[in-house]
Amino acid sequence: MLDNLYRQVIMDHYRQKRNFKELEGENVRKVHYKNPTCGDIMTLFLELEQHRVKKAAFLGEGCSISMASASMMTELIENKSLQEAAHLRKAFEDLIRQGKETDTVELGDSLSLKGVHNLKARHNCALMTWQALDKALKDEKEYNPF
């Protein structure tokens, strides 16, 4: 029953993507990213203000896992500090790669992707947007998920 609920959450984010738009402005960072294993593509947009992610959005095409994960991530990191975003990033990667949940970081709808842990070939699908986040914030000292 829980698996079915998780599937519904994933499909809802896939069909009705949140923050599926382009952001513009002088404080907006834009990163294009391609999943090296399957060809899914996306562009991540981050509006940063005083070491915070004020807004997050994306455009792209891909499988239900990658697009749902992008939708979930943009909701999750909006209005978070770069340090909070780094903690979310680490917790999500631990969930996908190790199947490890944490009590200290609230992953919201992203927790519905925990079953991807059992599908090793789909790890990069779920992590694609988070890897784009790493690329966009690589020069920010406040962002260090590792």
C-alpha atoms as a PDB file:
ATOM      1  CA  MET A   1       0.000   0.000   0.000  1.00  0.00           C
ATOM      2  CA  LEU A   2       2.817   2.433   0.859  1.00  0.00           C
ATOM      3  CA  ASP A   3       4.586   1.599  -2.408  1.00  0.00           C
ATOM      4  CA  ASN A   4       1.405   2.476  -4.274  1.00  0.00           C
ATOM      5  CA  LEU A   5       1.159   5.805  -2.445  1.00  0.00           C
ATOM      6  CA  TYR A   6       4.793   6.569  -3.288  1.00  0.00           C
ATOM      7  CA  ARG A   7       4.134   5.704  -6.933  1.00  0.00           C
ATOM      8  CA  GLN A   8       1.203   8.120  -6.954  1.00  0.00           C
ATOM      9  CA  VAL A   9       3.343  10.928  -5.512  1.00  0.00           C
ATOM     10  CA  ILE A  10       6.051  10.302  -8.113  1.00  0.00           C
ATOM     11  CA  MET A  11       3.560  10.252 -10.982  1.00  0.00           C
ATOM     12  CA  ASP A  12       1.864  13.408  -9.697  1.00  0.00           C
ATOM     13  CA  HIS A  13       5.206  15.269  -9.750  1.00  0.00           C
ATOM     14  CA  TYR A  14       5.980  13.827 -13.193  1.00  0.00           C
ATOM     15  CA  ARG A  15       2.641  14.798 -14.735  1.00  0.00           C
ATOM     16  CA  GLN A  16       2.278  18.149 -12.989  1.00  0.00           C
ATOM     17  CA  LYS A  17       5.833  19.308 -12.528  1.00  0.00           C
ATOM     18  CA  ARG A  18       6.332  22.002  -9.938  1.00  0.00           C
ATOM     19  CA  ASN A  19       8.559  24.941 -10.827  1.00  0.00           C
ATOM     20  CA  PHE A  20       8.758  23.807 -14.463  1.00  0.00           C
ATOM     21  CA  LYS A  21       9.770  27.157 -15.908  1.00  0.00           C
ATOM     22  CA  GLU A  22      12.702  29.372 -16.728  1.00  0.00           C
ATOM     23  CA  LEU A  23      13.915  31.945 -14.239  1.00  0.00           C
ATOM     24  CA  GLU A  24      15.579  35.152 -15.377  1.00  0.00           C
ATOM     25  CA  GLY A  25      17.447  37.929 -13.636  1.00  0.00           C
ATOM     26  CA  GLU A  26      20.893  38.997 -12.558  1.00  0.00           C
ATOM     27  CA  ASN A  27      20.886  36.711  -9.498  1.00  0.00           C
ATOM     28  CA  VAL A  28      19.848  33.615 -11.473  1.00  0.00           C
ATOM     29  CA  ARG A  29      22.290  30.808 -12.136  1.00  0.00           C
ATOM     30  CA  LYS A  30      21.568  28.464 -15.000  1.00  0.00           C
ATOM     31  CA  VAL A  31      23.119  25.007 -15.374  1.00  0.00           C
ATOM     32  CA  HIS A  32      22.472  22.558 -18.185  1.00  0.00           C
ATOM     33  CA  TYR A  33      22.892  18.915 -17.203  1.00  0.00           C
ATOM     34  CA  LYS A  34      22.611  15.615 -19.036  1.00  0.00           C
ATOM     35  CA  ASN A  35      22.299  12.234 -17.346  1.00  0.00           C
ATOM     36  CA  PRO A  36      25.368  10.349 -18.572  1.00  0.00           C
ATOM     37  CA  THR A  37      23.656   6.956 -18.382  1.00  0.00           C
ATOM     38  CA  CYS A  38      20.353   7.523 -20.176  1.00  0.00           C
ATOM     39  CA  GLY A  39      20.279  10.860 -21.957  1.00  0.00           C
ATOM     40  CA  ASP A  40      17.712  12.674 -19.793  1.00  0.00           C
ATOM     41  CA  ILE A  41      18.387  16.404 -19.979  1.00  0.00           C
ATOM     42  CA  MET A  42      17.517  19.369 -17.824  1.00  0.00           C
ATOM     43  CA  THR A  43      18.391  22.955 -17.124  1.00  0.00           C
ATOM     44  CA  LEU A  44      18.332  24.029 -13.493  1.00  0.00           C
ATOM     45  CA  PHE A  45      17.669  27.661 -12.593  1.00  0.00           C
ATOM     46  CA  LEU A  46      18.549  29.027  -9.150  1.00  0.00           C
ATOM     47  CA  GLU A  47      17.838  32.521  -7.934  1.00  0.00           C
ATOM     48  CA  LEU A  48      20.276  33.167  -5.109  1.00  0.00           C
ATOM     49  CA  GLU A  49      20.037  35.920  -2.538  1.00  0.00           C
ATOM     50  CA  GLN A  50      22.292  36.341   0.501  1.00  0.00           C
ATOM     51  CA  HIS A  51      23.497  32.718   0.558  1.00  0.00           C
ATOM     52  CA  ARG A  52      19.958  31.387   0.122  1.00  0.00           C
ATOM     53  CA  VAL A  53      18.085  29.719  -2.698  1.00  0.00           C
ATOM     54  CA  LYS A  54      15.277  32.210  -3.104  1.00  0.00           C
ATOM     55  CA  LYS A  55      13.726  30.344  -6.053  1.00  0.00           C
ATOM     56  CA  ALA A  56      14.485  27.121  -7.907  1.00  0.00           C
ATOM     57  CA  ALA A  57      13.079  25.937 -11.224  1.00  0.00           C
ATOM     58  CA  PHE A  58      13.904  23.606 -14.090  1.00  0.00           C
ATOM     59  CA  LEU A  59      13.128  22.705 -17.678  1.00  0.00           C
ATOM     60  CA  GLY A  60      13.872  19.336 -19.205  1.00  0.00           C
ATOM     61  CA  GLU A  61      12.871  16.020 -20.641  1.00  0.00           C
ATOM     62  CA  GLY A  62      13.339  12.605 -19.175  1.00  0.00           C
ATOM     63  CA  CYS A  63      11.903   9.636 -17.385  1.00  0.00           C
ATOM     64  CA  SER A  64       9.345   9.873 -14.612  1.00  0.00           C
ATOM     65  CA  ILE A  65      12.010   9.417 -11.929  1.00  0.00           C
ATOM     66  CA  SER A  66      14.302  12.214 -13.126  1.00  0.00           C
ATOM     67  CA  MET A  67      11.506  14.700 -13.789  1.00  0.00           C
ATOM     68  CA  ALA A  68       9.673  13.927 -10.533  1.00  0.00           C
ATOM     69  CA  SER A  69      12.938  14.214  -8.603  1.00  0.00           C
ATOM     70  CA  ALA A  70      13.591  17.617 -10.204  1.00  0.00           C
ATOM     71  CA  SER A  71      10.102  18.801  -9.321  1.00  0.00           C
ATOM     72  CA  MET A  72      10.492  17.607  -5.737  1.00  0.00           C
ATOM     73  CA  MET A  73      13.972  19.081  -5.325  1.00  0.00           C
ATOM     74  CA  THR A  74      12.988  22.547  -6.535  1.00  0.00           C
ATOM     75  CA  GLU A  75      10.163  22.623  -3.982  1.00  0.00           C
ATOM     76  CA  LEU A  76      12.425  21.328  -1.247  1.00  0.00           C
ATOM     77  CA  ILE A  77      15.318  23.783  -1.618  1.00  0.00           C
ATOM     78  CA  GLU A  78      13.370  26.998  -2.186  1.00  0.00           C
ATOM     79  CA  ASN A  79      13.922  29.519   0.605  1.00  0.00           C
ATOM     80  CA  LYS A  80      16.664  27.362   2.133  1.00  0.00           C
ATOM     81  CA  SER A  81      20.167  28.495   2.979  1.00  0.00           C
ATOM     82  CA  LEU A  82      22.972  26.996   0.930  1.00  0.00           C
ATOM     83  CA  GLN A  83      24.024  25.058   4.021  1.00  0.00           C
ATOM     84  CA  GLU A  84      20.494  23.639   4.409  1.00  0.00           C
ATOM     85  CA  ALA A  85      20.471  22.728   0.707  1.00  0.00           C
ATOM     86  CA  ALA A  86      23.769  20.882   1.198  1.00  0.00           C
ATOM     87  CA  HIS A  87      22.285  18.865   4.080  1.00  0.00           C
ATOM     88  CA  LEU A  88      19.262  17.989   1.940  1.00  0.00           C
ATOM     89  CA  ARG A  89      21.574  16.969  -0.907  1.00  0.00           C
ATOM     90  CA  LYS A  90      23.574  14.633   1.334  1.00  0.00           C
ATOM     91  CA  ALA A  91      20.463  13.096   2.900  1.00  0.00           C
ATOM     92  CA  PHE A  92      18.902  12.462  -0.510  1.00  0.00           C
ATOM     93  CA  GLU A  93      22.031  10.827  -1.909  1.00  0.00           C
ATOM     94  CA  ASP A  94      22.254   8.591   1.175  1.00  0.00           C
ATOM     95  CA  LEU A  95      18.610   7.614   0.613  1.00  0.00           C
ATOM     96  CA  ILE A  96      19.173   6.688  -3.021  1.00  0.00           C
ATOM     97  CA  ARG A  97      22.637   5.119  -2.894  1.00  0.00           C
ATOM     98  CA  GLN A  98      22.472   3.408   0.530  1.00  0.00           C
ATOM     99  CA  GLY A  99      18.739   3.187   1.252  1.00  0.00           C
ATOM    100  CA  LYS A 100      19.458   5.146   4.438  1.00  0.00           C
ATOM    101  CA  GLU A 101      16.803   7.463   5.873  1.00  0.00           C
ATOM    102  CA  THR A 102      17.635  10.192   8.358  1.00  0.00           C
ATOM    103  CA  ASP A 103      15.577  11.608  11.198  1.00  0.00           C
ATOM    104  CA  THR A 104      17.410  14.924  11.149  1.00  0.00           C
ATOM    105  CA  VAL A 105      16.626  16.094   7.594  1.00  0.00           C
ATOM    106  CA  GLU A 106      13.077  16.331   6.239  1.00  0.00           C
ATOM    107  CA  LEU A 107      13.038  15.246   2.583  1.00  0.00           C
ATOM    108  CA  GLY A 108       9.330  15.853   1.965  1.00  0.00           C
ATOM    109  CA  ASP A 109       7.961  14.230  -1.194  1.00  0.00           C
ATOM    110  CA  SER A 110      11.501  13.209  -2.173  1.00  0.00           C
ATOM    111  CA  LEU A 111      11.206  10.403   0.353  1.00  0.00           C
ATOM    112  CA  SER A 112       8.795   8.729  -2.089  1.00  0.00           C
ATOM    113  CA  LEU A 113      11.836   7.960  -4.281  1.00  0.00           C
ATOM    114  CA  LYS A 114      13.444   5.706  -1.669  1.00  0.00           C
ATOM    115  CA  GLY A 115      12.518   2.588  -3.688  1.00  0.00           C
ATOM    116  CA  VAL A 116      14.995   3.737  -6.364  1.00  0.00           C
ATOM    117  CA  HIS A 117      17.708   2.474  -4.023  1.00  0.00           C
ATOM    118  CA  ASN A 118      16.852  -1.065  -5.180  1.00  0.00           C
ATOM    119  CA  LEU A 119      17.170  -0.048  -8.848  1.00  0.00           C
ATOM    120  CA  LYS A 120      20.883   0.704  -9.187  1.00  0.00           C
ATOM    121  CA  ALA A 121      20.550   1.574 -12.885  1.00  0.00           C
ATOM    122  CA  ARG A 122      18.123   4.369 -11.951  1.00  0.00           C
ATOM    123  CA  HIS A 123      20.221   6.050  -9.248  1.00  0.00           C
ATOM    124  CA  ASN A 124      21.478   8.700 -11.669  1.00  0.00           C
ATOM    125  CA  CYS A 125      17.905   9.426 -12.752  1.00  0.00           C
ATOM    126  CA  ALA A 126      16.937  10.364  -9.209  1.00  0.00           C
ATOM    127  CA  LEU A 127      20.209  12.199  -8.514  1.00  0.00           C
ATOM    128  CA  MET A 128      20.475  14.122 -11.806  1.00  0.00           C
ATOM    129  CA  THR A 129      18.969  17.386 -10.534  1.00  0.00           C
ATOM    130  CA  TRP A 130      20.977  17.209  -7.323  1.00  0.00           C
ATOM    131  CA  GLN A 131      24.154  16.760  -9.385  1.00  0.00           C
ATOM    132  CA  ALA A 132      23.167  19.846 -11.377  1.00  0.00           C
ATOM    133  CA  LEU A 133      22.786  21.665  -8.046  1.00  0.00           C
ATOM    134  CA  ASP A 134      26.350  20.643  -7.146  1.00  0.00           C
ATOM    135  CA  LYS A 135      27.567  22.043 -10.448  1.00  0.00           C
ATOM    136  CA  ALA A 136      25.673  25.320  -9.990  1.00  0.00           C
ATOM    137  CA  LEU A 137      26.934  25.862  -6.439  1.00  0.00           C
ATOM    138  CA  LYS A 138      30.439  24.412  -6.691  1.00  0.00           C
ATOM    139  CA  ASP A 139      32.098  27.780  -5.968  1.00  0.00           C
ATOM    140  CA  GLU A 140      29.946  28.627  -2.945  1.00  0.00           C
ATOM    141  CA  LYS A 141      31.786  27.945   0.313  1.00  0.00           C
ATOM    142  CA  GLU A 142      28.466  27.726   2.204  1.00  0.00           C
ATOM    143  CA  TYR A 143      27.461  24.742   0.020  1.00  0.00           C
ATOM    144  CA  ASN A 144      29.398  21.596   0.866  1.00  0.00           C
ATOM    145  CA  PRO A 145      27.321  18.399   0.819  1.00  0.00           C
ATOM    146  CA  PHE A 146      30.272  16.024   1.118  1.00  0.00           C
END
